[in-house]
Amino acid sequence: MPATEIAPGLIARGFTPPLRLADFRLAAFDMDSTLINLECVDEIASAVGKKAEVAAITEAAMRGEIADYKESLRQRVALLRGVPVSAMQAIYDERLQLNPGVATFVAACQAAGLKTLLVSGGFTFFTDRVRDRLKIDFARSNVLETEGDHLTGRMVDQPWGDIVDGEEKRRTLLATCERLGVAPAQAIAVGDGANDLPMMRAAGLSIAFHAKPAVREQAMLSIESGGMDRALEVLRA
């Protein structure tokens, strides 16, 4: 699709701005490096001195260089064996921050009547807290197994399946649209990594936020500088 720089660091593809935010009914968000400033699995790995090893796998997965996302996540989670739950609480309390403009954009979506969805390949320990902090309506992510207040290096299967990968993100977005009685064309999907592309392709508007090159090139709107609230330069109330 031809790209148009509509403002410095704001690229539109395949549509002519502005759009009306109120014409959409659902906004779906990735969490790690999208709503928040870090990759949680990498930060947890720092507690056992394996951050560099885990981060290298995460980076390759987000660039789309690993075909089997589920297996790559299992490999990373296996390296977290023995991490105390208290280490995750310290990450949330001391390191995790919302990315610039996130609270403003999410609140604008909610004020315009959109329901909100957090769908993440990360973990419920963090997604539940971010969901509550932003008053997000729905969330889906992975559950880390614990024994005696320590991680086992495994994840827990859930009623909907085992792991949130790109295909599960797409299914979750479509199922949420069906639950709300709205068309996928009325959904916005925001992400930064290759595993966000399936849900971004299914949505009526895809937004890349400081994303990997492959994601920027396929998104309808790419925010390449500034905060997430820059989307409001295109989406008017």
Protein backbone atom coordinates (compact mmCIF):
# COMPACT_ATOMS: atom_id res chain seq x y z
CA MET A 1 0.00 0.00 0.00
CA PRO A 2 1.29 3.50 -0.75
CA ALA A 3 2.44 5.36 2.35
CA THR A 4 1.76 9.00 3.15
CA GLU A 5 3.49 10.89 5.95
CA ILE A 6 0.60 12.93 7.30
CA ALA A 7 2.76 14.49 10.02
CA PRO A 8 6.35 13.90 11.16
CA GLY A 9 6.57 10.35 12.43
CA LEU A 10 2.95 9.52 11.51
CA ILE A 11 2.48 7.35 8.42
CA ALA A 12 -0.86 6.41 6.84
CA ARG A 13 -1.37 3.57 4.33
CA GLY A 14 -4.49 2.66 2.41
CA PHE A 15 -6.85 5.28 3.81
CA THR A 16 -7.37 9.01 3.85
CA PRO A 17 -7.48 10.67 7.28
CA PRO A 18 -9.22 11.77 9.34
CA LEU A 19 -11.45 8.95 10.58
CA ARG A 20 -14.15 9.18 13.24
CA LEU A 21 -13.22 7.32 16.42
CA ALA A 22 -16.92 6.89 17.22
CA ASP A 23 -17.37 4.85 14.02
CA PHE A 24 -15.39 2.04 15.70
CA ARG A 25 -16.75 -0.18 18.49
CA LEU A 26 -13.70 -2.08 19.78
CA ALA A 27 -10.04 -1.23 20.39
CA ALA A 28 -7.68 -4.20 20.89
CA PHE A 29 -4.19 -3.76 22.26
CA ASP A 30 -1.04 -5.80 22.59
CA MET A 31 0.65 -5.19 25.94
CA ASP A 32 4.44 -5.67 25.98
CA SER A 33 6.24 -2.75 24.27
CA THR A 34 2.82 -1.43 23.18
CA LEU A 35 0.81 -0.47 26.26
CA ILE A 36 3.86 -0.81 28.50
CA ASN A 37 7.55 0.00 28.26
CA LEU A 38 9.06 -3.47 28.54
CA GLU A 39 8.90 -7.12 27.55
CA CYS A 40 7.85 -8.89 30.74
CA VAL A 41 9.42 -12.26 29.92
CA ASP A 42 12.80 -10.58 29.42
CA GLU A 43 12.52 -8.73 32.73
CA ILE A 44 11.54 -11.88 34.64
CA ALA A 45 14.58 -13.64 33.15
CA SER A 46 16.81 -10.98 34.68
CA ALA A 47 16.01 -12.48 38.10
CA VAL A 48 17.93 -15.62 37.13
CA GLY A 49 20.64 -13.90 35.11
CA LYS A 50 19.22 -14.96 31.75
CA LYS A 51 17.83 -11.70 30.40
CA ALA A 52 20.21 -11.47 27.42
CA GLU A 53 19.50 -15.05 26.37
CA VAL A 54 15.72 -14.65 26.65
CA ALA A 55 15.70 -11.16 25.10
CA ALA A 56 17.51 -12.43 22.00
CA ILE A 57 14.74 -15.01 21.42
CA THR A 58 12.04 -12.40 22.08
CA GLU A 59 13.56 -9.95 19.62
CA ALA A 60 13.79 -12.59 16.89
CA ALA A 61 10.17 -13.62 17.53
CA MET A 62 8.94 -10.04 17.37
CA ARG A 63 10.78 -9.49 14.07
CA GLY A 64 9.00 -12.55 12.68
CA GLU A 65 12.17 -14.60 12.34
CA ILE A 66 10.87 -17.53 14.42
CA ALA A 67 8.16 -19.54 12.68
CA ASP A 68 6.87 -21.33 15.79
CA TYR A 69 6.00 -18.59 18.28
CA LYS A 70 4.52 -21.03 20.78
CA GLU A 71 7.70 -23.10 20.95
CA SER A 72 9.83 -19.97 21.28
CA LEU A 73 7.71 -18.86 24.24
CA ARG A 74 7.94 -22.29 25.86
CA GLN A 75 11.72 -22.13 25.52
CA ARG A 76 11.82 -18.71 27.16
CA VAL A 77 9.46 -19.67 29.96
CA ALA A 78 11.50 -22.82 30.69
CA LEU A 79 14.45 -20.54 31.48
CA LEU A 80 12.34 -18.80 34.17
CA ARG A 81 12.22 -21.89 36.40
CA GLY A 82 12.89 -20.94 40.04
CA VAL A 83 12.05 -17.23 39.75
CA PRO A 84 10.13 -16.12 42.86
CA VAL A 85 6.74 -14.50 42.35
CA SER A 86 8.06 -11.61 44.44
CA ALA A 87 10.47 -10.81 41.57
CA MET A 88 7.50 -10.25 39.27
CA GLN A 89 5.89 -7.95 41.80
CA ALA A 90 9.13 -5.96 41.95
CA ILE A 91 9.13 -5.63 38.14
CA TYR A 92 5.58 -4.28 38.24
CA ASP A 93 6.26 -1.92 41.12
CA GLU A 94 9.68 -0.64 40.09
CA ARG A 95 10.12 -0.96 36.31
CA LEU A 96 6.82 -1.31 34.49
CA GLN A 97 5.38 1.93 33.14
CA LEU A 98 2.66 2.76 30.67
CA ASN A 99 4.07 4.01 27.40
CA PRO A 100 3.59 7.72 26.60
CA GLY A 101 0.11 8.62 25.44
CA VAL A 102 -1.38 5.21 26.26
CA ALA A 103 -3.67 6.34 29.08
CA THR A 104 -4.89 9.27 26.97
CA PHE A 105 -5.65 7.15 23.91
CA VAL A 106 -7.34 4.34 25.82
CA ALA A 107 -9.46 6.87 27.71
CA ALA A 108 -10.41 8.58 24.43
CA CYS A 109 -11.56 5.24 23.00
CA GLN A 110 -13.65 4.56 26.08
CA ALA A 111 -15.14 8.06 26.06
CA ALA A 112 -16.18 7.52 22.42
CA GLY A 113 -18.06 4.37 23.44
CA LEU A 114 -15.56 1.72 22.33
CA LYS A 115 -15.04 -1.45 24.33
CA THR A 116 -11.39 -2.28 24.97
CA LEU A 117 -9.47 -5.54 24.77
CA LEU A 118 -5.97 -6.43 25.97
CA VAL A 119 -4.69 -9.55 24.20
CA SER A 120 -1.11 -10.50 24.96
CA GLY A 121 1.46 -13.23 24.58
CA GLY A 122 2.57 -12.11 28.04
CA PHE A 123 1.33 -13.23 31.40
CA THR A 124 -1.76 -12.73 33.54
CA PHE A 125 0.33 -11.51 36.49
CA PHE A 126 0.95 -8.32 34.49
CA THR A 127 -2.02 -8.18 32.14
CA ASP A 128 -4.53 -8.32 35.00
CA ARG A 129 -2.86 -5.36 36.67
CA VAL A 130 -2.59 -3.33 33.46
CA ARG A 131 -6.20 -4.19 32.59
CA ASP A 132 -7.40 -2.87 35.94
CA ARG A 133 -5.16 0.19 35.77
CA LEU A 134 -6.57 1.23 32.37
CA LYS A 135 -10.12 -0.04 33.07
CA ILE A 136 -9.95 -2.32 30.04
CA ASP A 137 -13.05 -4.45 29.48
CA PHE A 138 -11.55 -7.77 28.35
CA ALA A 139 -8.14 -9.45 28.60
CA ARG A 140 -6.52 -12.67 27.45
CA SER A 141 -2.96 -13.81 28.11
CA ASN A 142 -0.88 -16.74 29.36
CA VAL A 143 -0.73 -18.19 32.89
CA LEU A 144 2.64 -18.98 34.44
CA GLU A 145 2.59 -22.10 36.61
CA THR A 146 3.85 -21.71 40.17
CA GLU A 147 4.81 -24.09 42.97
CA GLY A 148 5.63 -22.75 46.43
CA ASP A 149 5.71 -19.13 45.25
CA HIS A 150 8.23 -19.89 42.51
CA LEU A 151 7.83 -20.35 38.76
CA THR A 152 8.07 -23.90 37.46
CA GLY A 153 9.15 -22.93 33.94
CA ARG A 154 5.82 -24.05 32.50
CA MET A 155 2.52 -22.44 31.51
CA VAL A 156 -0.98 -23.58 32.43
CA ASP A 157 -3.46 -24.61 29.73
CA GLN A 158 -6.70 -22.62 29.80
CA PRO A 159 -10.26 -23.42 28.61
CA TRP A 160 -9.66 -21.60 25.30
CA GLY A 161 -6.29 -23.26 24.58
CA ASP A 162 -2.64 -23.27 25.59
CA ILE A 163 -0.76 -20.14 24.48
CA VAL A 164 -1.70 -16.73 23.08
CA ASP A 165 0.15 -16.51 19.78
CA GLY A 166 -0.68 -14.48 16.69
CA GLU A 167 -3.51 -16.75 15.62
CA GLU A 168 -5.05 -16.71 19.09
CA LYS A 169 -4.87 -12.90 19.08
CA ARG A 170 -6.82 -12.90 15.82
CA ARG A 171 -9.38 -15.38 17.15
CA THR A 172 -9.80 -13.36 20.33
CA LEU A 173 -10.41 -10.14 18.43
CA LEU A 174 -12.97 -11.83 16.17
CA ALA A 175 -14.69 -13.59 19.08
CA THR A 176 -14.91 -10.31 21.00
CA CYS A 177 -16.44 -8.61 17.97
CA GLU A 178 -18.99 -11.43 17.75
CA ARG A 179 -19.73 -11.15 21.46
CA LEU A 180 -20.36 -7.43 21.05
CA GLY A 181 -22.38 -7.87 17.87
CA VAL A 182 -20.07 -5.70 15.78
CA ALA A 183 -18.19 -6.28 12.53
CA PRO A 184 -14.38 -6.73 12.54
CA ALA A 185 -14.28 -3.63 10.33
CA GLN A 186 -15.41 -1.71 13.42
CA ALA A 187 -12.34 -2.84 15.39
CA ILE A 188 -9.01 -1.11 15.89
CA ALA A 189 -5.94 -3.27 16.60
CA VAL A 190 -2.72 -1.81 18.02
CA GLY A 191 0.56 -3.70 18.21
CA ASP A 192 4.29 -3.68 17.59
CA GLY A 193 5.45 -7.22 16.82
CA ALA A 194 4.98 -9.93 14.21
CA ASN A 195 2.59 -11.87 16.44
CA ASP A 196 0.24 -8.85 16.35
CA LEU A 197 -0.11 -8.93 12.56
CA PRO A 198 -2.93 -11.53 12.38
CA MET A 199 -5.25 -9.46 14.57
CA MET A 200 -4.14 -6.25 12.87
CA ARG A 201 -5.05 -7.70 9.46
CA ALA A 202 -8.48 -8.75 10.77
CA ALA A 203 -9.33 -5.29 12.11
CA GLY A 204 -10.81 -2.34 10.27
CA LEU A 205 -7.91 -0.13 11.36
CA SER A 206 -4.44 -1.40 12.24
CA ILE A 207 -2.06 0.81 14.21
CA ALA A 208 1.66 0.07 14.58
CA PHE A 209 3.18 1.73 17.64
CA HIS A 210 6.99 2.08 17.53
CA ALA A 211 6.85 -1.27 15.79
CA LYS A 212 9.21 -3.68 14.08
CA PRO A 213 9.81 -2.85 10.37
CA ALA A 214 7.55 -5.63 9.03
CA VAL A 215 4.69 -4.39 11.21
CA ARG A 216 5.18 -0.73 10.30
CA GLU A 217 5.10 -1.65 6.61
CA GLN A 218 1.78 -3.49 6.88
CA ALA A 219 -0.11 -1.26 9.31
CA MET A 220 -2.65 1.28 8.08
CA LEU A 221 -1.32 3.80 10.59
CA SER A 222 2.22 3.76 11.95
CA ILE A 223 3.19 5.91 14.92
CA GLU A 224 6.97 6.19 14.64
CA SER A 225 7.59 9.09 17.02
CA GLY A 226 5.72 10.45 20.01
CA GLY A 227 3.07 8.80 22.15
CA MET A 228 0.13 6.56 21.34
CA ASP A 229 -2.19 9.55 21.68
CA ARG A 230 -0.83 10.68 18.30
CA ALA A 231 -3.44 8.33 16.84
CA LEU A 232 -5.95 11.02 17.83
CA GLU A 233 -4.45 13.20 15.09
CA VAL A 234 -6.12 10.75 12.71
CA LEU A 235 -9.06 9.51 14.80
CA ARG A 236 -11.26 12.44 15.65
CA ALA A 237 -13.95 12.22 18.31
